[in-house]
């Protein structure tokens, strides 16, 4: 495997981005891996490596670069912890338009890298970035063929760029993995999302992961559930095999 961490120029500065891909048999389809709210950390880099071993050029950008933040370190479970307040402040500083500008810069970089193939792109987002993965499928409709939101938040809102509306603007195949216990996207919101996507002809699977909590895919989180996490890997890797090869 080949790994690099470098700064990629954007409209607003430069985002430090972890890139990992196989050494041989390239170029490899690009996967845009959007981080969750606790920021860049080795746990996410390990997940990017796992994706890359299946034959992908994975880009994991730091979305908090505008605030000069790279890593937040270990966060306390105490809801009153200042570190958690800072995390939510950073999370709320982002928007779909800002992150889509970053994604455009990432793809411009990838287009110039002989190890990357941008003809068929996949995306994945966790938690706060579930909406970004879906938005990228709409923004780059001609190239993003597969997008996955894993315990994504705010998937159906009144905003004009709500993910459920943007999903209607893409031809990509979409996957939504939803935790049964999730105050950020509660169980009662899952069926309306599934029904809306089906009614509008969106190629999407909305899967309820029973008995698990928000954050179930992350090995270093208390909510980690091995079986559900492995199911998520099965789902997204199968999605990419179908659409990116």
Protein backbone atom coordinates (compact mmCIF):
# COMPACT_ATOMS: atom_id res chain seq x y z
CA UNK A 1 0.00 0.00 0.00
CA UNK A 2 1.05 3.56 -0.67
CA UNK A 3 0.16 6.22 1.89
CA UNK A 4 0.58 9.97 1.80
CA UNK A 5 -0.63 12.91 3.83
CA UNK A 6 -0.47 16.23 2.05
CA UNK A 7 -2.15 19.61 1.77
CA UNK A 8 -4.56 20.04 -1.14
CA UNK A 9 -5.41 23.58 -2.16
CA UNK A 10 -9.05 24.63 -1.91
CA UNK A 11 -10.99 27.86 -2.38
CA UNK A 12 -10.53 28.61 1.32
CA UNK A 13 -6.99 27.42 1.99
CA UNK A 14 -5.69 23.87 2.05
CA UNK A 15 -7.09 20.68 3.51
CA UNK A 16 -4.65 18.15 4.90
CA UNK A 17 -5.70 14.91 3.24
CA UNK A 18 -4.73 11.30 3.92
CA UNK A 19 -4.47 9.33 0.68
CA UNK A 20 -4.01 5.58 0.51
CA UNK A 21 -4.18 3.18 -2.43
CA UNK A 22 -2.69 -0.12 -3.65
CA UNK A 23 0.82 -0.09 -5.05
CA UNK A 24 -0.04 -2.14 -8.14
CA UNK A 25 -2.65 -2.52 -10.88
CA UNK A 26 -3.78 1.08 -10.93
CA UNK A 27 -5.28 3.45 -11.66
CA UNK A 28 -7.84 2.83 -8.93
CA UNK A 29 -11.38 4.22 -8.57
CA UNK A 30 -11.53 7.16 -6.17
CA UNK A 31 -13.41 6.96 -2.88
CA UNK A 32 -14.11 10.23 -1.06
CA UNK A 33 -14.20 9.34 2.64
CA UNK A 34 -15.80 12.14 4.67
CA UNK A 35 -14.88 12.18 8.36
CA UNK A 36 -17.31 12.21 11.27
CA UNK A 37 -17.59 14.95 13.89
CA UNK A 38 -14.71 13.86 16.19
CA UNK A 39 -12.27 14.77 13.39
CA UNK A 40 -9.30 13.04 11.80
CA UNK A 41 -7.70 10.28 13.87
CA UNK A 42 -5.91 6.99 13.39
CA UNK A 43 -9.21 5.10 13.66
CA UNK A 44 -10.36 6.78 10.42
CA UNK A 45 -7.03 6.24 8.71
CA UNK A 46 -7.32 2.53 9.50
CA UNK A 47 -10.76 2.46 7.93
CA UNK A 48 -9.41 4.22 4.84
CA UNK A 49 -6.68 1.60 4.63
CA UNK A 50 -9.25 -1.17 4.75
CA UNK A 51 -11.12 0.36 1.83
CA UNK A 52 -7.91 0.79 -0.12
CA UNK A 53 -6.96 -2.87 0.24
CA UNK A 54 -10.01 -3.69 -1.89
CA UNK A 55 -8.53 -1.73 -4.77
CA UNK A 56 -9.50 1.89 -4.23
CA UNK A 57 -7.78 5.27 -4.14
CA UNK A 58 -9.13 6.63 -0.86
CA UNK A 59 -9.05 10.31 0.06
CA UNK A 60 -9.75 11.30 3.68
CA UNK A 61 -9.73 15.12 3.96
CA UNK A 62 -9.65 17.19 7.13
CA UNK A 63 -12.89 19.17 6.95
CA UNK A 64 -11.99 21.42 9.90
CA UNK A 65 -9.01 23.08 8.22
CA UNK A 66 -10.79 26.44 7.98
CA UNK A 67 -10.69 26.59 11.79
CA UNK A 68 -7.07 25.46 11.91
CA UNK A 69 -8.03 22.19 13.59
CA UNK A 70 -6.68 18.79 12.54
CA UNK A 71 -7.31 16.40 15.44
CA UNK A 72 -9.39 16.77 18.59
CA UNK A 73 -7.87 13.90 20.53
CA UNK A 74 -9.80 11.73 22.94
CA UNK A 75 -13.22 13.16 23.77
CA UNK A 76 -14.87 12.71 27.14
CA UNK A 77 -18.33 11.09 27.20
CA UNK A 78 -19.38 13.88 29.57
CA UNK A 79 -21.86 16.03 27.59
CA UNK A 80 -20.60 19.11 29.47
CA UNK A 81 -16.99 18.55 28.49
CA UNK A 82 -15.50 21.62 26.72
CA UNK A 83 -13.96 19.36 24.09
CA UNK A 84 -17.38 18.12 23.05
CA UNK A 85 -18.67 21.68 22.87
CA UNK A 86 -15.77 22.52 20.58
CA UNK A 87 -16.58 19.49 18.40
CA UNK A 88 -20.17 20.65 17.91
CA UNK A 89 -18.98 24.18 17.18
CA UNK A 90 -16.71 22.83 14.44
CA UNK A 91 -19.37 20.51 13.08
CA UNK A 92 -21.86 23.35 12.85
CA UNK A 93 -19.34 25.53 11.02
CA UNK A 94 -19.62 23.25 7.98
CA UNK A 95 -22.25 23.20 5.27
CA UNK A 96 -22.97 21.18 2.18
CA UNK A 97 -21.77 23.97 -0.18
CA UNK A 98 -18.47 24.33 1.71
CA UNK A 99 -17.76 20.60 1.72
CA UNK A 100 -18.73 20.26 -1.95
CA UNK A 101 -16.18 22.97 -2.80
CA UNK A 102 -13.61 20.89 -0.92
CA UNK A 103 -14.68 17.77 -2.80
CA UNK A 104 -14.20 19.56 -6.12
CA UNK A 105 -10.64 20.44 -5.11
CA UNK A 106 -9.96 16.84 -4.09
CA UNK A 107 -11.18 15.55 -7.44
CA UNK A 108 -9.08 18.11 -9.33
CA UNK A 109 -6.04 16.77 -7.46
CA UNK A 110 -7.01 13.16 -8.16
CA UNK A 111 -7.45 13.84 -11.87
CA UNK A 112 -3.76 14.74 -12.08
CA UNK A 113 -2.59 11.65 -10.19
CA UNK A 114 -1.88 8.64 -12.44
CA UNK A 115 -2.72 6.31 -9.54
CA UNK A 116 -6.34 7.58 -9.43
CA UNK A 117 -9.25 6.96 -11.77
CA UNK A 118 -12.02 9.54 -11.50
CA UNK A 119 -14.33 8.08 -14.15
CA UNK A 120 -16.31 6.21 -11.47
CA UNK A 121 -16.23 7.62 -7.96
CA UNK A 122 -17.61 6.36 -4.68
CA UNK A 123 -18.35 8.32 -1.54
CA UNK A 124 -18.93 7.43 2.09
CA UNK A 125 -19.81 9.62 5.04
CA UNK A 126 -20.31 8.88 8.72
CA UNK A 127 -22.47 10.79 11.19
CA UNK A 128 -22.33 14.48 10.21
CA UNK A 129 -20.92 13.52 6.81
CA UNK A 130 -23.66 11.18 5.70
CA UNK A 131 -25.32 14.18 4.00
CA UNK A 132 -22.03 15.11 2.33
CA UNK A 133 -21.68 11.67 0.75
CA UNK A 134 -25.16 12.00 -0.76
CA UNK A 135 -24.63 15.63 -1.78
CA UNK A 136 -21.47 14.67 -3.67
CA UNK A 137 -23.48 12.16 -5.69
CA UNK A 138 -25.72 15.03 -6.79
CA UNK A 139 -22.96 17.61 -7.31
CA UNK A 140 -20.79 15.25 -9.37
CA UNK A 141 -23.62 13.35 -10.99
CA UNK A 142 -21.64 12.35 -14.06
CA UNK A 143 -18.92 10.61 -12.03
CA UNK A 144 -20.19 9.53 -8.61
CA UNK A 145 -21.76 6.12 -9.13
CA UNK A 146 -22.09 4.93 -5.51
CA UNK A 147 -22.65 6.78 -2.23
CA UNK A 148 -23.07 5.52 1.31
CA UNK A 149 -24.35 7.30 4.43
CA UNK A 150 -23.58 5.44 7.65
CA UNK A 151 -25.62 6.54 10.69
CA UNK A 152 -25.95 9.86 8.90
CA UNK A 153 -27.65 12.82 10.55
CA UNK A 154 -30.20 15.33 9.19
CA UNK A 155 -31.12 13.18 6.22
CA UNK A 156 -34.62 14.66 5.90
CA UNK A 157 -34.94 18.35 6.67
CA UNK A 158 -36.85 21.37 5.36
CA UNK A 159 -33.72 22.80 3.75
CA UNK A 160 -33.56 22.96 -0.05
CA UNK A 161 -30.37 20.93 0.04
CA UNK A 162 -31.71 18.22 2.34
CA UNK A 163 -30.09 14.87 1.45
CA UNK A 164 -33.44 13.25 0.63
CA UNK A 165 -34.00 15.95 -2.00
CA UNK A 166 -30.46 15.81 -3.36
CA UNK A 167 -30.83 12.04 -3.71
CA UNK A 168 -33.39 12.69 -6.43
CA UNK A 169 -30.71 14.49 -8.45
CA UNK A 170 -28.32 11.58 -8.84
CA UNK A 171 -28.20 8.38 -10.87
CA UNK A 172 -25.86 6.78 -8.32
CA UNK A 173 -26.80 3.78 -6.23
CA UNK A 174 -27.19 4.86 -2.61
CA UNK A 175 -26.94 3.01 0.68
CA UNK A 176 -28.14 4.30 4.05
CA UNK A 177 -27.10 2.33 7.12
CA UNK A 178 -29.21 3.50 10.09
CA UNK A 179 -28.76 2.67 13.76
CA UNK A 180 -31.90 1.69 15.63
CA UNK A 181 -30.82 3.74 18.66
CA UNK A 182 -29.87 7.15 17.32
CA UNK A 183 -31.08 10.48 18.65
CA UNK A 184 -29.54 12.22 15.62
CA UNK A 185 -31.74 10.25 13.18
CA UNK A 186 -34.29 8.30 15.22
CA UNK A 187 -35.85 5.01 14.22
CA UNK A 188 -39.19 6.63 13.41
CA UNK A 189 -37.49 8.70 10.67
CA UNK A 190 -36.19 5.65 8.79
CA UNK A 191 -39.45 4.51 7.15
CA UNK A 192 -40.33 8.02 5.86
CA UNK A 193 -36.87 8.30 4.29
CA UNK A 194 -37.20 4.87 2.68
CA UNK A 195 -40.69 5.66 1.40
CA UNK A 196 -39.71 9.06 0.00
CA UNK A 197 -36.74 7.68 -1.90
CA UNK A 198 -38.81 4.83 -3.33
CA UNK A 199 -41.64 7.17 -4.35
CA UNK A 200 -39.19 9.33 -6.27
CA UNK A 201 -37.45 6.48 -8.08
CA UNK A 202 -34.14 6.79 -6.24
CA UNK A 203 -31.93 3.69 -6.41
CA UNK A 204 -31.37 3.32 -2.70
CA UNK A 205 -31.34 0.85 0.15
CA UNK A 206 -32.25 2.16 3.60
CA UNK A 207 -31.27 -0.47 6.14
CA UNK A 208 -32.16 -0.51 9.81
CA UNK A 209 -29.37 -2.00 11.91
CA UNK A 210 -31.28 -3.47 14.86
CA UNK A 211 -30.16 -3.07 18.43
CA UNK A 212 -27.17 -0.84 17.73
CA UNK A 213 -26.39 2.76 18.62
CA UNK A 214 -25.12 5.73 16.66
CA UNK A 215 -21.40 5.18 16.05
CA UNK A 216 -21.63 1.39 15.87
CA UNK A 217 -18.99 1.07 13.14
CA UNK A 218 -16.09 2.66 15.05
CA UNK A 219 -13.89 0.13 16.90
CA UNK A 220 -12.76 2.66 19.52
CA UNK A 221 -16.23 3.88 20.45
CA UNK A 222 -18.33 2.46 23.31
CA UNK A 223 -21.15 1.96 20.78
CA UNK A 224 -19.04 -0.34 18.59
CA UNK A 225 -20.86 -3.48 17.49
CA UNK A 226 -18.64 -5.93 15.64
CA UNK A 227 -21.37 -7.75 13.74
CA UNK A 228 -23.07 -4.56 12.57
CA UNK A 229 -19.74 -2.96 11.70
CA UNK A 230 -18.75 -5.93 9.55
CA UNK A 231 -22.16 -5.83 7.89
CA UNK A 232 -21.52 -2.20 6.99
CA UNK A 233 -18.22 -3.18 5.35
CA UNK A 234 -19.99 -5.93 3.42
CA UNK A 235 -22.66 -3.50 2.22
CA UNK A 236 -20.39 -0.68 1.06
CA UNK A 237 -17.78 -2.95 -0.56
CA UNK A 238 -20.50 -4.77 -2.47
CA UNK A 239 -21.94 -1.41 -3.51
CA UNK A 240 -18.59 -0.27 -4.86
CA UNK A 241 -17.97 -3.57 -6.65
CA UNK A 242 -21.30 -3.24 -8.43
CA UNK A 243 -20.91 0.37 -9.48
CA UNK A 244 -17.21 1.25 -9.72
CA UNK A 245 -15.77 -1.70 -11.61
